[in-house]
C-alpha atoms as a PDB file:
ATOM      1  CA  MET A   1      88.314  54.278 110.437  1.00  0.00           C
ATOM      2  CA  ASP A   2      85.926  52.727 107.922  1.00  0.00           C
ATOM      3  CA  VAL A   3      87.866  50.621 105.200  1.00  0.00           C
ATOM      4  CA  ILE A   4      85.840  50.455 102.124  1.00  0.00           C
ATOM      5  CA  THR A   5      86.362  48.435  99.199  1.00  0.00           C
ATOM      6  CA  ILE A   6      84.226  47.241  95.979  1.00  0.00           C
ATOM      7  CA  GLY A   7      84.794  43.809  94.249  1.00  0.00           C
ATOM      8  CA  THR A   8      81.760  42.061  92.860  1.00  0.00           C
ATOM      9  CA  GLU A   9      83.525  38.742  93.018  1.00  0.00           C
ATOM     10  CA  ASN A  10      86.573  37.273  94.080  1.00  0.00           C
ATOM     11  CA  LYS A  11      89.751  37.595  91.747  1.00  0.00           C
ATOM     12  CA  GLY A  12      93.254  39.039  91.581  1.00  0.00           C
ATOM     13  CA  TYR A  13      94.702  39.815  95.038  1.00  0.00           C
ATOM     14  CA  TYR A  14      91.094  39.923  96.938  1.00  0.00           C
ATOM     15  CA  ASP A  15      91.901  36.969  99.371  1.00  0.00           C
ATOM     16  CA  ILE A  16      95.309  38.460 100.101  1.00  0.00           C
ATOM     17  CA  LEU A  17      93.689  41.938 100.798  1.00  0.00           C
ATOM     18  CA  LYS A  18      91.319  40.171 103.089  1.00  0.00           C
ATOM     19  CA  ASP A  19      94.232  38.343 104.924  1.00  0.00           C
ATOM     20  CA  SER A  20      96.244  41.671 104.963  1.00  0.00           C
ATOM     21  CA  CYS A  21      93.297  43.231 106.827  1.00  0.00           C
ATOM     22  CA  LYS A  22      93.042  40.452 109.427  1.00  0.00           C
ATOM     23  CA  LYS A  23      96.615  40.705 110.027  1.00  0.00           C
ATOM     24  CA  ASN A  24      96.908  44.510 110.637  1.00  0.00           C
ATOM     25  CA  ASP A  25      93.352  44.600 112.648  1.00  0.00           C
ATOM     26  CA  ILE A  26      91.293  46.171 109.982  1.00  0.00           C
ATOM     27  CA  ASN A  27      87.665  45.511 109.335  1.00  0.00           C
ATOM     28  CA  LEU A  28      87.156  45.328 105.466  1.00  0.00           C
ATOM     29  CA  ILE A  29      83.702  46.485 104.066  1.00  0.00           C
ATOM     30  CA  ASN A  30      83.189  45.169 100.713  1.00  0.00           C
ATOM     31  CA  LEU A  31      80.099  47.162  99.060  1.00  0.00           C
ATOM     32  CA  GLY A  32      79.786  45.303  95.985  1.00  0.00           C
ATOM     33  CA  LEU A  33      80.234  41.719  96.920  1.00  0.00           C
ATOM     34  CA  GLY A  34      77.365  39.846  94.948  1.00  0.00           C
ATOM     35  CA  LYS A  35      75.944  42.526  92.786  1.00  0.00           C
ATOM     36  CA  LYS A  36      76.334  42.989  89.122  1.00  0.00           C
ATOM     37  CA  TRP A  37      79.520  44.788  87.736  1.00  0.00           C
ATOM     38  CA  THR A  38      78.178  47.942  85.811  1.00  0.00           C
ATOM     39  CA  GLY A  39      81.504  49.564  85.322  1.00  0.00           C
ATOM     40  CA  PHE A  40      84.036  51.781  87.375  1.00  0.00           C
ATOM     41  CA  ILE A  41      81.466  54.585  88.037  1.00  0.00           C
ATOM     42  CA  MET A  42      79.681  52.002  90.226  1.00  0.00           C
ATOM     43  CA  LYS A  43      82.624  52.296  92.761  1.00  0.00           C
ATOM     44  CA  TYR A  44      81.508  56.176  93.262  1.00  0.00           C
ATOM     45  CA  GLU A  45      77.500  55.356  93.484  1.00  0.00           C
ATOM     46  CA  LEU A  46      77.840  52.804  96.208  1.00  0.00           C
ATOM     47  CA  LEU A  47      80.330  54.501  98.342  1.00  0.00           C
ATOM     48  CA  ASN A  48      78.353  57.750  98.002  1.00  0.00           C
ATOM     49  CA  LYS A  49      74.838  55.558  99.262  1.00  0.00           C
ATOM     50  CA  TYR A  50      77.170  54.162 102.195  1.00  0.00           C
ATOM     51  CA  LEU A  51      78.444  57.564 103.233  1.00  0.00           C
ATOM     52  CA  GLU A  52      74.578  58.744 103.662  1.00  0.00           C
ATOM     53  CA  LYS A  53      74.897  56.878 107.049  1.00  0.00           C
ATOM     54  CA  VAL A  54      78.249  58.029 107.988  1.00  0.00           C
ATOM     55  CA  ASP A  55      79.398  60.669 110.508  1.00  0.00           C
ATOM     56  CA  ASP A  56      80.944  63.413 108.792  1.00  0.00           C
ATOM     57  CA  ASN A  57      83.965  63.190 111.040  1.00  0.00           C
ATOM     58  CA  THR A  58      84.840  59.730 110.429  1.00  0.00           C
ATOM     59  CA  ILE A  59      87.915  58.901 108.567  1.00  0.00           C
ATOM     60  CA  VAL A  60      87.502  56.539 105.250  1.00  0.00           C
ATOM     61  CA  LEU A  61      89.671  54.734 103.638  1.00  0.00           C
ATOM     62  CA  PHE A  62      88.978  53.664 100.034  1.00  0.00           C
ATOM     63  CA  ILE A  63      90.757  50.945  98.092  1.00  0.00           C
ATOM     64  CA  ASP A  64      90.484  48.641  95.036  1.00  0.00           C
ATOM     65  CA  ALA A  65      89.689  45.059  95.671  1.00  0.00           C
ATOM     66  CA  TYR A  66      91.797  43.478  93.461  1.00  0.00           C
ATOM     67  CA  ASP A  67      95.178  44.885  93.442  1.00  0.00           C
ATOM     68  CA  VAL A  68      95.671  46.376  96.818  1.00  0.00           C
ATOM     69  CA  ILE A  69      97.377  45.224 100.046  1.00  0.00           C
ATOM     70  CA  ILE A  70      97.384  46.738 103.551  1.00  0.00           C
ATOM     71  CA  LEU A  71     101.234  46.887 104.868  1.00  0.00           C
ATOM     72  CA  LYS A  72     100.152  48.856 108.361  1.00  0.00           C
ATOM     73  CA  ASN A  73      97.823  48.704 110.925  1.00  0.00           C
ATOM     74  CA  LYS A  74      95.259  51.521 111.154  1.00  0.00           C
ATOM     75  CA  ILE A  75      97.008  53.472 114.047  1.00  0.00           C
ATOM     76  CA  ASP A  76      99.757  53.952 111.384  1.00  0.00           C
ATOM     77  CA  ILE A  77      97.628  54.713 108.551  1.00  0.00           C
ATOM     78  CA  ILE A  78      95.436  57.539 110.584  1.00  0.00           C
ATOM     79  CA  LYS A  79      98.651  59.154 112.080  1.00  0.00           C
ATOM     80  CA  LYS A  80     100.146  59.481 108.846  1.00  0.00           C
ATOM     81  CA  PHE A  81      96.822  60.787 107.190  1.00  0.00           C
ATOM     82  CA  LYS A  82      96.711  63.500 109.791  1.00  0.00           C
ATOM     83  CA  LYS A  83     100.206  64.635 109.324  1.00  0.00           C
ATOM     84  CA  PHE A  84      99.096  65.849 105.854  1.00  0.00           C
ATOM     85  CA  ASN A  85      96.826  68.478 107.296  1.00  0.00           C
ATOM     86  CA  LYS A  86      94.246  67.788 104.457  1.00  0.00           C
ATOM     87  CA  ASN A  87      90.720  66.714 104.380  1.00  0.00           C
ATOM     88  CA  ILE A  88      91.513  63.785 101.624  1.00  0.00           C
ATOM     89  CA  VAL A  89      94.949  62.451 100.592  1.00  0.00           C
ATOM     90  CA  PHE A  90      94.810  60.644  97.402  1.00  0.00           C
ATOM     91  CA  GLY A  91      97.702  58.057  95.886  1.00  0.00           C
ATOM     92  CA  ASN A  92      99.996  59.242  93.621  1.00  0.00           C
ATOM     93  CA  GLN A  93     100.018  57.604  90.300  1.00  0.00           C
ATOM     94  CA  SER A  94     102.147  60.118  88.289  1.00  0.00           C
ATOM     95  CA  GLY A  95     104.771  58.796  86.169  1.00  0.00           C
ATOM     96  CA  PHE A  96     105.703  58.558  82.201  1.00  0.00           C
ATOM     97  CA  PHE A  97     102.931  56.314  80.926  1.00  0.00           C
ATOM     98  CA  PRO A  98     100.085  57.631  83.366  1.00  0.00           C
ATOM     99  CA  ASN A  99     101.064  61.231  82.548  1.00  0.00           C
ATOM    100  CA  LEU A 100     100.288  60.393  78.904  1.00  0.00           C
ATOM    101  CA  THR A 101      97.172  58.570  79.540  1.00  0.00           C
ATOM    102  CA  PHE A 102      95.333  60.446  82.313  1.00  0.00           C
ATOM    103  CA  TYR A 103      94.233  63.946  83.027  1.00  0.00           C
ATOM    104  CA  ASN A 104      96.170  65.238  86.112  1.00  0.00           C
ATOM    105  CA  CYS A 105      95.189  67.122  89.136  1.00  0.00           C
ATOM    106  CA  LYS A 106      97.636  70.131  90.249  1.00  0.00           C
ATOM    107  CA  GLY A 107     100.425  68.396  88.475  1.00  0.00           C
ATOM    108  CA  HIS A 108     100.054  64.965  89.545  1.00  0.00           C
ATOM    109  CA  VAL A 109      97.547  61.916  88.572  1.00  0.00           C
ATOM    110  CA  TYR A 110      95.386  61.341  91.472  1.00  0.00           C
ATOM    111  CA  ASN A 111      94.405  57.545  91.811  1.00  0.00           C
ATOM    112  CA  SER A 112      90.878  56.814  92.392  1.00  0.00           C
ATOM    113  CA  GLY A 113      91.499  53.553  93.850  1.00  0.00           C
ATOM    114  CA  SER A 114      93.565  54.609  96.910  1.00  0.00           C
ATOM    115  CA  TYR A 115      92.586  57.539  98.772  1.00  0.00           C
ATOM    116  CA  ILE A 116      91.620  58.517 102.495  1.00  0.00           C
ATOM    117  CA  GLY A 117      89.666  61.367 104.074  1.00  0.00           C
ATOM    118  CA  TYR A 118      86.996  62.633 106.410  1.00  0.00           C
ATOM    119  CA  ALA A 119      83.392  61.416 105.295  1.00  0.00           C
ATOM    120  CA  LYS A 120      82.028  65.069 105.065  1.00  0.00           C
ATOM    121  CA  TYR A 121      84.496  65.971 102.449  1.00  0.00           C
ATOM    122  CA  ILE A 122      84.491  62.617 100.422  1.00  0.00           C
ATOM    123  CA  LYS A 123      80.625  63.229 100.334  1.00  0.00           C
ATOM    124  CA  GLN A 124      81.347  66.841  98.723  1.00  0.00           C
ATOM    125  CA  LEU A 125      83.882  65.019  96.117  1.00  0.00           C
ATOM    126  CA  LEU A 126      81.325  62.673  95.142  1.00  0.00           C
ATOM    127  CA  ASN A 127      78.847  65.481  94.634  1.00  0.00           C
ATOM    128  CA  ILE A 128      81.320  67.306  92.609  1.00  0.00           C
ATOM    129  CA  ILE A 129      82.069  64.474  90.396  1.00  0.00           C
ATOM    130  CA  TYR A 130      79.154  62.554  89.700  1.00  0.00           C
ATOM    131  CA  ASN A 131      78.198  64.739  86.554  1.00  0.00           C
ATOM    132  CA  LYS A 132      76.571  62.176  83.668  1.00  0.00           C
ATOM    133  CA  ASP A 133      77.558  64.436  80.947  1.00  0.00           C
ATOM    134  CA  ILE A 134      81.403  64.262  82.063  1.00  0.00           C
ATOM    135  CA  ILE A 135      81.021  60.609  83.014  1.00  0.00           C
ATOM    136  CA  LYS A 136      80.184  60.039  79.243  1.00  0.00           C
ATOM    137  CA  LYS A 137      83.226  62.358  77.956  1.00  0.00           C
ATOM    138  CA  VAL A 138      85.760  60.329  80.243  1.00  0.00           C
ATOM    139  CA  ASN A 139      83.877  56.838  78.597  1.00  0.00           C
ATOM    140  CA  ASN A 140      83.122  56.011  82.294  1.00  0.00           C
ATOM    141  CA  ASP A 141      86.499  55.761  83.743  1.00  0.00           C
ATOM    142  CA  ASP A 142      86.646  56.741  87.301  1.00  0.00           C
ATOM    143  CA  GLN A 143      90.113  57.894  87.623  1.00  0.00           C
ATOM    144  CA  GLN A 144      89.779  60.068  84.495  1.00  0.00           C
ATOM    145  CA  LEU A 145      86.594  61.499  85.862  1.00  0.00           C
ATOM    146  CA  LEU A 146      88.296  62.453  89.270  1.00  0.00           C
ATOM    147  CA  ASN A 147      91.242  64.148  87.612  1.00  0.00           C
ATOM    148  CA  TYR A 148      89.240  65.719  85.073  1.00  0.00           C
ATOM    149  CA  CYS A 149      86.958  67.345  87.567  1.00  0.00           C
ATOM    150  CA  CYS A 150      90.078  68.608  89.378  1.00  0.00           C
ATOM    151  CA  ASN A 151      90.621  70.990  86.706  1.00  0.00           C
ATOM    152  CA  ASN A 152      87.223  72.570  86.963  1.00  0.00           C
ATOM    153  CA  ASN A 153      86.812  72.621  90.519  1.00  0.00           C
ATOM    154  CA  LYS A 154      90.152  74.098  91.449  1.00  0.00           C
ATOM    155  CA  ASN A 155      89.214  75.778  95.018  1.00  0.00           C
ATOM    156  CA  PHE A 156      87.542  72.404  96.395  1.00  0.00           C
ATOM    157  CA  PHE A 157      90.640  70.370  95.472  1.00  0.00           C
ATOM    158  CA  THR A 158      93.404  73.144  96.425  1.00  0.00           C
ATOM    159  CA  GLU A 159      91.967  73.797  99.620  1.00  0.00           C
ATOM    160  CA  ASN A 160      90.767  70.102 100.552  1.00  0.00           C
ATOM    161  CA  THR A 161      92.767  67.563  98.766  1.00  0.00           C
ATOM    162  CA  THR A 162      96.521  66.669  98.301  1.00  0.00           C
ATOM    163  CA  CYS A 163      98.606  63.868  96.773  1.00  0.00           C
ATOM    164  CA  ASP A 164     100.658  61.425  98.586  1.00  0.00           C
ATOM    165  CA  VAL A 165     103.951  62.206  96.133  1.00  0.00           C
ATOM    166  CA  ASN A 166     106.349  60.581  98.826  1.00  0.00           C
ATOM    167  CA  ASN A 167     104.477  57.240  99.343  1.00  0.00           C
ATOM    168  CA  ASP A 168     103.862  57.972 102.987  1.00  0.00           C
ATOM    169  CA  ILE A 169     100.487  56.329 102.872  1.00  0.00           C
ATOM    170  CA  PHE A 170     100.439  54.771  99.190  1.00  0.00           C
ATOM    171  CA  TYR A 171     102.718  53.030  97.077  1.00  0.00           C
ATOM    172  CA  ILE A 172     101.111  52.568  93.458  1.00  0.00           C
ATOM    173  CA  THR A 173     102.679  50.765  90.695  1.00  0.00           C
ATOM    174  CA  SER A 174     101.916  51.640  87.022  1.00  0.00           C
ATOM    175  CA  ALA A 175     103.267  50.775  83.360  1.00  0.00           C
ATOM    176  CA  ASP A 176     106.287  52.489  84.200  1.00  0.00           C
ATOM    177  CA  THR A 177     107.174  49.654  86.446  1.00  0.00           C
ATOM    178  CA  TYR A 178     107.535  47.231  83.296  1.00  0.00           C
ATOM    179  CA  PHE A 179     110.804  49.255  82.401  1.00  0.00           C
ATOM    180  CA  ASP A 180     112.340  49.047  85.876  1.00  0.00           C
ATOM    181  CA  LEU A 181     115.180  46.340  85.582  1.00  0.00           C
ATOM    182  CA  ASN A 182     114.905  44.913  89.097  1.00  0.00           C
ATOM    183  CA  TYR A 183     111.219  44.107  88.123  1.00  0.00           C
ATOM    184  CA  LEU A 184     112.025  42.863  84.779  1.00  0.00           C
ATOM    185  CA  ILE A 185     115.129  40.501  85.462  1.00  0.00           C
ATOM    186  CA  PHE A 186     114.071  39.377  89.085  1.00  0.00           C
ATOM    187  CA  GLY A 187     110.294  40.293  89.661  1.00  0.00           C
ATOM    188  CA  LYS A 188     111.308  42.902  92.484  1.00  0.00           C
ATOM    189  CA  LEU A 189     109.226  45.830  93.342  1.00  0.00           C
ATOM    190  CA  ASN A 190     111.118  48.967  95.150  1.00  0.00           C
ATOM    191  CA  ILE A 191     108.558  49.400  97.883  1.00  0.00           C
ATOM    192  CA  PRO A 192     109.506  51.963 100.535  1.00  0.00           C
ATOM    193  CA  LYS A 193     109.793  50.123 103.755  1.00  0.00           C
ATOM    194  CA  ASN A 194     107.248  52.570 105.758  1.00  0.00           C
ATOM    195  CA  THR A 195     104.578  52.882 103.261  1.00  0.00           C
ATOM    196  CA  CYS A 196     101.072  51.736 104.596  1.00  0.00           C
ATOM    197  CA  ILE A 197      99.391  50.388 101.394  1.00  0.00           C
ATOM    198  CA  LEU A 198     100.346  48.613  98.211  1.00  0.00           C
ATOM    199  CA  HIS A 199      98.789  49.136  95.031  1.00  0.00           C
ATOM    200  CA  LEU A 200      99.424  46.739  92.375  1.00  0.00           C
ATOM    201  CA  ALA A 201      98.066  48.869  89.678  1.00  0.00           C
ATOM    202  CA  GLY A 202      98.784  48.401  85.972  1.00  0.00           C
ATOM    203  CA  SER A 203      98.391  44.630  86.216  1.00  0.00           C
ATOM    204  CA  ILE A 204     101.816  44.509  88.185  1.00  0.00           C
ATOM    205  CA  ASN A 205     102.530  41.039  89.620  1.00  0.00           C
ATOM    206  CA  GLY A 206     103.689  41.314  93.175  1.00  0.00           C
ATOM    207  CA  ASN A 207     103.630  37.563  94.224  1.00  0.00           C
ATOM    208  CA  ASN A 208     107.758  37.710  94.972  1.00  0.00           C
ATOM    209  CA  TYR A 209     107.323  40.725  97.258  1.00  0.00           C
ATOM    210  CA  LEU A 210     104.178  38.936  99.027  1.00  0.00           C
ATOM    211  CA  LYS A 211     105.609  35.653  99.270  1.00  0.00           C
ATOM    212  CA  ASN A 212     108.822  37.409 101.165  1.00  0.00           C
ATOM    213  CA  ILE A 213     106.288  39.049 103.684  1.00  0.00           C
ATOM    214  CA  GLY A 214     104.454  35.755 104.693  1.00  0.00           C
ATOM    215  CA  TYR A 215     101.577  35.672 102.276  1.00  0.00           C
ATOM    216  CA  ASP A 216     100.186  32.769 100.540  1.00  0.00           C
ATOM    217  CA  ILE A 217     100.309  33.693  96.791  1.00  0.00           C
ATOM    218  CA  THR A 218      98.521  30.361  95.860  1.00  0.00           C
ATOM    219  CA  LYS A 219      95.336  32.328  96.944  1.00  0.00           C
ATOM    220  CA  VAL A 220      95.908  35.036  94.011  1.00  0.00           C
ATOM    221  CA  ASN A 221      93.447  34.433  91.315  1.00  0.00           C
ATOM    222  CA  ASP A 222      94.359  35.674  87.636  1.00  0.00           C
ATOM    223  CA  ILE A 223      92.599  38.822  86.587  1.00  0.00           C
ATOM    224  CA  ASN A 224      91.583  38.365  82.918  1.00  0.00           C
ATOM    225  CA  PHE A 225      94.126  40.161  80.684  1.00  0.00           C
ATOM    226  CA  ILE A 226      91.649  41.027  77.944  1.00  0.00           C
ATOM    227  CA  PHE A 227      89.578  42.680  80.224  1.00  0.00           C
ATOM    228  CA  LYS A 228      92.692  44.966  81.702  1.00  0.00           C
ATOM    229  CA  LEU A 229      93.669  45.703  78.060  1.00  0.00           C
ATOM    230  CA  LYS A 230      89.984  47.070  77.441  1.00  0.00           C
ATOM    231  CA  GLN A 231      90.394  48.948  80.433  1.00  0.00           C
ATOM    232  CA  ALA A 232      93.388  50.409  79.554  1.00  0.00           C
ATOM    233  CA  ILE A 233      92.259  51.391  75.650  1.00  0.00           C
ATOM    234  CA  ASN A 234      89.128  52.710  76.820  1.00  0.00           C
ATOM    235  CA  ILE A 235      90.855  55.404  79.368  1.00  0.00           C
ATOM    236  CA  ASN A 236      92.206  57.303  76.165  1.00  0.00           C
ATOM    237  CA  LYS A 237      92.120  55.602  72.952  1.00  0.00           C
ATOM    238  CA  LYS A 238      94.311  58.281  70.989  1.00  0.00           C
ATOM    239  CA  ILE A 239      96.903  58.156  73.773  1.00  0.00           C
ATOM    240  CA  SER A 240      96.832  54.337  74.265  1.00  0.00           C
ATOM    241  CA  PHE A 241      97.491  53.917  70.664  1.00  0.00           C
ATOM    242  CA  ILE A 242     100.627  55.852  71.081  1.00  0.00           C
ATOM    243  CA  VAL A 243     101.773  54.148  74.280  1.00  0.00           C
ATOM    244  CA  PHE A 244     101.128  50.575  72.953  1.00  0.00           C
ATOM    245  CA  SER A 245     103.122  51.897  69.589  1.00  0.00           C
ATOM    246  CA  PHE A 246     105.875  53.275  71.449  1.00  0.00           C
ATOM    247  CA  ILE A 247     106.119  49.709  73.574  1.00  0.00           C
ATOM    248  CA  ILE A 248     106.144  47.951  70.330  1.00  0.00           C
ATOM    249  CA  LEU A 249     108.931  50.055  69.110  1.00  0.00           C
ATOM    250  CA  ILE A 250     111.194  49.727  72.278  1.00  0.00           C
ATOM    251  CA  ILE A 251     110.577  45.826  72.247  1.00  0.00           C
ATOM    252  CA  TYR A 252     111.490  45.762  68.290  1.00  0.00           C
ATOM    253  CA  ILE A 253     114.830  47.518  69.299  1.00  0.00           C
ATOM    254  CA  ILE A 254     115.435  45.429  72.242  1.00  0.00           C
ATOM    255  CA  PHE A 255     115.279  42.387  69.903  1.00  0.00           C
ATOM    256  CA  LYS A 256     117.178  43.992  66.991  1.00  0.00           C
ATOM    257  CA  LEU A 257     120.085  44.585  69.577  1.00  0.00           C
ATOM    258  CA  ILE A 258     120.114  41.186  70.984  1.00  0.00           C
ATOM    259  CA  ASN A 259     120.189  39.692  67.604  1.00  0.00           C
END
């Protein structure tokens, strides 16, 4: 199994990701280190180039670099992947706010930073989604691109892909997590015991959880908040305005109730 990520610098949870790979006897391949960041579509470009030299039957796990932690070894990951009996399995990021913000694929929001599949079919996927007109339409956002293309290539996605809705392999947070009382009050994440990969999407802080399972959280480097805010707004500007207005309204109501 090839485990691929693309991070152009050391930030966020990248050092913890590397430690988690060592702990679980996984060789992490970073295709972006030292390169100039050109946008999220860069992930598809570099992965596509890498796969040109990879055997079609190789299992490839792609993960984001700055907010993903490996929790299980590769034997467990591969075993769970094969149980799906599909050529590509995507992490599930469905939820109230993601469903408002992103296009969906077969009723779910496929995550573009957590997926696993056979190289042959990931190559086919990349050929489908790398369309410059569509990339421009979705403001160069890799996750919008993936889910948008699903709706225009239903045969490929229905026959070859599925979504990990039960968190067997991937557990992915989102903006919804901010409204979980355990997280708001205690900083706790309700991570399934047997999940293999934690993806702290939505800038969720996983420090308490990671400290409890033995990681040195002093290695965590903050990700620029303004960068993350621009990323969120760029995904879908109209919906982002509605979502942020809704969040401000909730905060205002809570403030009035407290006072």
